[in-house]
Each structure stands twice: as structure tokens, then as C-alpha cells.
Amino acid sequence: MYYKFSGFTQKLTGAWASEAYSPQGLKPVVSTEAPPIIFATPTKLTSDSTVYDYAGKNRVPELQKFFQKADGVPIYLKRGLPDQMLYRTTMALTVGGTIYCLIALYMASQPKNK
């Protein structure tokens, strides 16, 4: 015997096999036609030329050479002063936050005097 959950009585009730395999009356729908293709047409009409309008020239090869240079400097400090300032600020905030958390834990672990 097959069972299904009744939304009305909130209990299991007897059911036919087709109802048990399709709960709450949901039946599998077999579509006979293909769904429409969403991106079938271009959203922006362009001319036939293949010239691309970029904001500037491609700097990726230059940056790859710059960052792959073996000069002993870590990758996160390669660009000089701005990278050093970001690194040092991040480290200072990390150390400061760790000290603050340890102080807060110490204060929370001490009993309050009444």
C-alpha cells in the first residue's frame, strides 16, 4: 500500500502509487515544445566590424613581467610604498585586534566585585 502526507489532516493517508510519487498533486509536466532561448539575440546591436572599444591598452603582459620578476620582494609588496602602507596597516590592525580580544577575554573571566 502507498501513503502520502495529507495537508488537510496533517497525517499519512492511503493513496494510489501515482499520487504517492507525486506529492500534493504535483504532476510531472512533459513539455512538447522547446523553451525559448533567453540569450538568442544580442542585447546591443553592433556593426559588422570586429574592432573592440577598450578603455585603454592591454597591460596584462607588462604586469605579468613586473610581478614575476625574481627580485626577492614578496608579491604583496611589489608596488612599493602603497603596498607597504596597506601591509603595515593590516598587520597593526590585526595585532591590535588580537590584543583587544585577549584583554576582553581576561576582563570577562574575572569575577565582578560586589
C-alpha atoms as a PDB file:
ATOM      1  CA  MET A   1       0.000   0.000   0.000  1.00  0.00           C
ATOM      2  CA  TYR A   2       1.183   3.525  -0.739  1.00  0.00           C
ATOM      3  CA  TYR A   3       0.923   6.510   1.575  1.00  0.00           C
ATOM      4  CA  LYS A   4       1.059  10.261   1.135  1.00  0.00           C
ATOM      5  CA  PHE A   5       1.029  13.194   3.524  1.00  0.00           C
ATOM      6  CA  SER A   6      -2.314  14.955   3.709  1.00  0.00           C
ATOM      7  CA  GLY A   7      -2.041  18.712   4.040  1.00  0.00           C
ATOM      8  CA  PHE A   8      -5.604  18.883   5.336  1.00  0.00           C
ATOM      9  CA  THR A   9      -5.429  16.329   8.157  1.00  0.00           C
ATOM     10  CA  GLN A  10      -1.633  16.588   8.687  1.00  0.00           C
ATOM     11  CA  LYS A  11      -1.422  12.773   8.709  1.00  0.00           C
ATOM     12  CA  LEU A  12      -0.401   9.981   6.395  1.00  0.00           C
ATOM     13  CA  THR A  13      -3.255   8.677   4.313  1.00  0.00           C
ATOM     14  CA  GLY A  14      -3.603   5.826   1.884  1.00  0.00           C
ATOM     15  CA  ALA A  15      -3.016   6.688  -1.755  1.00  0.00           C
ATOM     16  CA  TRP A  16      -2.516   5.278  -5.232  1.00  0.00           C
ATOM     17  CA  ALA A  17       1.020   4.806  -6.459  1.00  0.00           C
ATOM     18  CA  SER A  18       0.785   7.774  -8.835  1.00  0.00           C
ATOM     19  CA  GLU A  19      -0.350  10.062  -6.005  1.00  0.00           C
ATOM     20  CA  ALA A  20       2.340   8.788  -3.632  1.00  0.00           C
ATOM     21  CA  TYR A  21       5.110   9.513  -6.122  1.00  0.00           C
ATOM     22  CA  SER A  22       3.728  12.986  -6.914  1.00  0.00           C
ATOM     23  CA  PRO A  23       3.050  14.652  -3.540  1.00  0.00           C
ATOM     24  CA  GLN A  24       0.478  17.445  -3.083  1.00  0.00           C
ATOM     25  CA  GLY A  25      -0.937  16.872  -6.509  1.00  0.00           C
ATOM     26  CA  LEU A  26       2.212  17.966  -8.332  1.00  0.00           C
ATOM     27  CA  LYS A  27       2.415  16.053 -11.550  1.00  0.00           C
ATOM     28  CA  PRO A  28       5.495  15.923 -13.745  1.00  0.00           C
ATOM     29  CA  VAL A  29       4.870  18.031 -16.819  1.00  0.00           C
ATOM     30  CA  VAL A  30       6.382  16.910 -20.081  1.00  0.00           C
ATOM     31  CA  SER A  31       6.707  19.856 -22.416  1.00  0.00           C
ATOM     32  CA  THR A  32       6.235  19.169 -26.104  1.00  0.00           C
ATOM     33  CA  GLU A  33       7.880  22.382 -27.263  1.00  0.00           C
ATOM     34  CA  ALA A  34      11.380  23.615 -26.542  1.00  0.00           C
ATOM     35  CA  PRO A  35      11.705  26.535 -24.137  1.00  0.00           C
ATOM     36  CA  PRO A  36      12.708  29.843 -25.691  1.00  0.00           C
ATOM     37  CA  ILE A  37      16.401  30.622 -25.721  1.00  0.00           C
ATOM     38  CA  ILE A  38      16.991  33.576 -23.423  1.00  0.00           C
ATOM     39  CA  PHE A  39      20.196  34.909 -24.931  1.00  0.00           C
ATOM     40  CA  ALA A  40      19.499  34.028 -28.553  1.00  0.00           C
ATOM     41  CA  THR A  41      19.619  37.602 -29.792  1.00  0.00           C
ATOM     42  CA  PRO A  42      22.266  40.157 -28.903  1.00  0.00           C
ATOM     43  CA  THR A  43      21.238  42.793 -26.424  1.00  0.00           C
ATOM     44  CA  LYS A  44      23.224  45.507 -28.182  1.00  0.00           C
ATOM     45  CA  LEU A  45      23.290  45.838 -31.911  1.00  0.00           C
ATOM     46  CA  THR A  46      26.811  46.370 -33.205  1.00  0.00           C
ATOM     47  CA  SER A  47      28.293  46.986 -36.566  1.00  0.00           C
ATOM     48  CA  ASP A  48      29.952  44.213 -38.542  1.00  0.00           C
ATOM     49  CA  SER A  49      33.453  45.376 -37.655  1.00  0.00           C
ATOM     50  CA  THR A  50      35.404  43.383 -35.074  1.00  0.00           C
ATOM     51  CA  VAL A  51      37.140  46.385 -33.521  1.00  0.00           C
ATOM     52  CA  TYR A  52      36.676  46.388 -29.767  1.00  0.00           C
ATOM     53  CA  ASP A  53      36.359  49.587 -27.798  1.00  0.00           C
ATOM     54  CA  TYR A  54      38.533  49.211 -24.706  1.00  0.00           C
ATOM     55  CA  ALA A  55      39.206  51.867 -22.110  1.00  0.00           C
ATOM     56  CA  GLY A  56      42.943  51.526 -22.715  1.00  0.00           C
ATOM     57  CA  LYS A  57      45.644  49.206 -23.908  1.00  0.00           C
ATOM     58  CA  ASN A  58      46.108  45.731 -22.527  1.00  0.00           C
ATOM     59  CA  ARG A  59      48.600  45.987 -19.657  1.00  0.00           C
ATOM     60  CA  VAL A  60      48.427  42.347 -18.554  1.00  0.00           C
ATOM     61  CA  PRO A  61      51.706  41.237 -20.223  1.00  0.00           C
ATOM     62  CA  GLU A  62      53.582  44.167 -18.666  1.00  0.00           C
ATOM     63  CA  LEU A  63      52.149  43.451 -15.222  1.00  0.00           C
ATOM     64  CA  GLN A  64      52.950  39.748 -15.556  1.00  0.00           C
ATOM     65  CA  LYS A  65      56.595  40.558 -16.263  1.00  0.00           C
ATOM     66  CA  PHE A  66      56.665  43.053 -13.383  1.00  0.00           C
ATOM     67  CA  PHE A  67      55.163  40.695 -10.793  1.00  0.00           C
ATOM     68  CA  GLN A  68      57.112  37.615 -11.942  1.00  0.00           C
ATOM     69  CA  LYS A  69      60.484  39.324 -11.643  1.00  0.00           C
ATOM     70  CA  ALA A  70      62.755  37.384  -9.251  1.00  0.00           C
ATOM     71  CA  ASP A  71      63.994  40.266  -7.090  1.00  0.00           C
ATOM     72  CA  GLY A  72      63.331  38.762  -3.650  1.00  0.00           C
ATOM     73  CA  VAL A  73      60.398  41.071  -2.846  1.00  0.00           C
ATOM     74  CA  PRO A  74      57.126  39.340  -1.854  1.00  0.00           C
ATOM     75  CA  ILE A  75      54.272  39.718  -4.338  1.00  0.00           C
ATOM     76  CA  TYR A  76      52.185  41.751  -1.877  1.00  0.00           C
ATOM     77  CA  LEU A  77      54.936  44.414  -1.619  1.00  0.00           C
ATOM     78  CA  LYS A  78      55.948  44.686  -5.291  1.00  0.00           C
ATOM     79  CA  ARG A  79      54.327  48.077  -5.969  1.00  0.00           C
ATOM     80  CA  GLY A  80      56.290  49.943  -3.335  1.00  0.00           C
ATOM     81  CA  LEU A  81      55.011  52.444  -0.781  1.00  0.00           C
ATOM     82  CA  PRO A  82      51.229  51.960  -1.221  1.00  0.00           C
ATOM     83  CA  ASP A  83      51.604  48.200  -0.745  1.00  0.00           C
ATOM     84  CA  GLN A  84      53.859  48.706   2.281  1.00  0.00           C
ATOM     85  CA  MET A  85      51.359  51.070   3.882  1.00  0.00           C
ATOM     86  CA  LEU A  86      48.455  48.649   3.294  1.00  0.00           C
ATOM     87  CA  TYR A  87      50.505  45.737   4.644  1.00  0.00           C
ATOM     88  CA  ARG A  88      51.640  47.598   7.756  1.00  0.00           C
ATOM     89  CA  THR A  89      48.141  48.951   8.445  1.00  0.00           C
ATOM     90  CA  THR A  90      46.672  45.462   8.118  1.00  0.00           C
ATOM     91  CA  MET A  91      49.294  43.987  10.444  1.00  0.00           C
ATOM     92  CA  ALA A  92      48.785  46.782  13.013  1.00  0.00           C
ATOM     93  CA  LEU A  93      45.009  46.282  12.987  1.00  0.00           C
ATOM     94  CA  THR A  94      45.439  42.513  13.310  1.00  0.00           C
ATOM     95  CA  VAL A  95      47.823  42.784  16.261  1.00  0.00           C
ATOM     96  CA  GLY A  96      45.679  45.497  17.882  1.00  0.00           C
ATOM     97  CA  GLY A  97      42.512  43.420  17.457  1.00  0.00           C
ATOM     98  CA  THR A  98      44.193  40.351  18.921  1.00  0.00           C
ATOM     99  CA  ILE A  99      45.376  42.309  21.962  1.00  0.00           C
ATOM    100  CA  TYR A 100      41.905  43.850  22.378  1.00  0.00           C
ATOM    101  CA  CYS A 101      40.262  40.399  22.250  1.00  0.00           C
ATOM    102  CA  LEU A 102      42.707  38.990  24.800  1.00  0.00           C
ATOM    103  CA  ILE A 103      42.068  41.909  27.159  1.00  0.00           C
ATOM    104  CA  ALA A 104      38.289  41.492  26.731  1.00  0.00           C
ATOM    105  CA  LEU A 105      38.568  37.757  27.466  1.00  0.00           C
ATOM    106  CA  TYR A 106      40.669  38.448  30.558  1.00  0.00           C
ATOM    107  CA  MET A 107      38.187  41.023  31.837  1.00  0.00           C
ATOM    108  CA  ALA A 108      35.257  38.670  31.155  1.00  0.00           C
ATOM    109  CA  SER A 109      36.948  35.838  33.031  1.00  0.00           C
ATOM    110  CA  GLN A 110      37.406  37.862  36.244  1.00  0.00           C
ATOM    111  CA  PRO A 111      34.518  37.793  38.732  1.00  0.00           C
ATOM    112  CA  LYS A 112      32.822  41.089  39.475  1.00  0.00           C
ATOM    113  CA  ASN A 113      33.328  42.503  42.949  1.00  0.00           C
ATOM    114  CA  LYS A 114      30.118  43.418  44.750  1.00  0.00           C
END
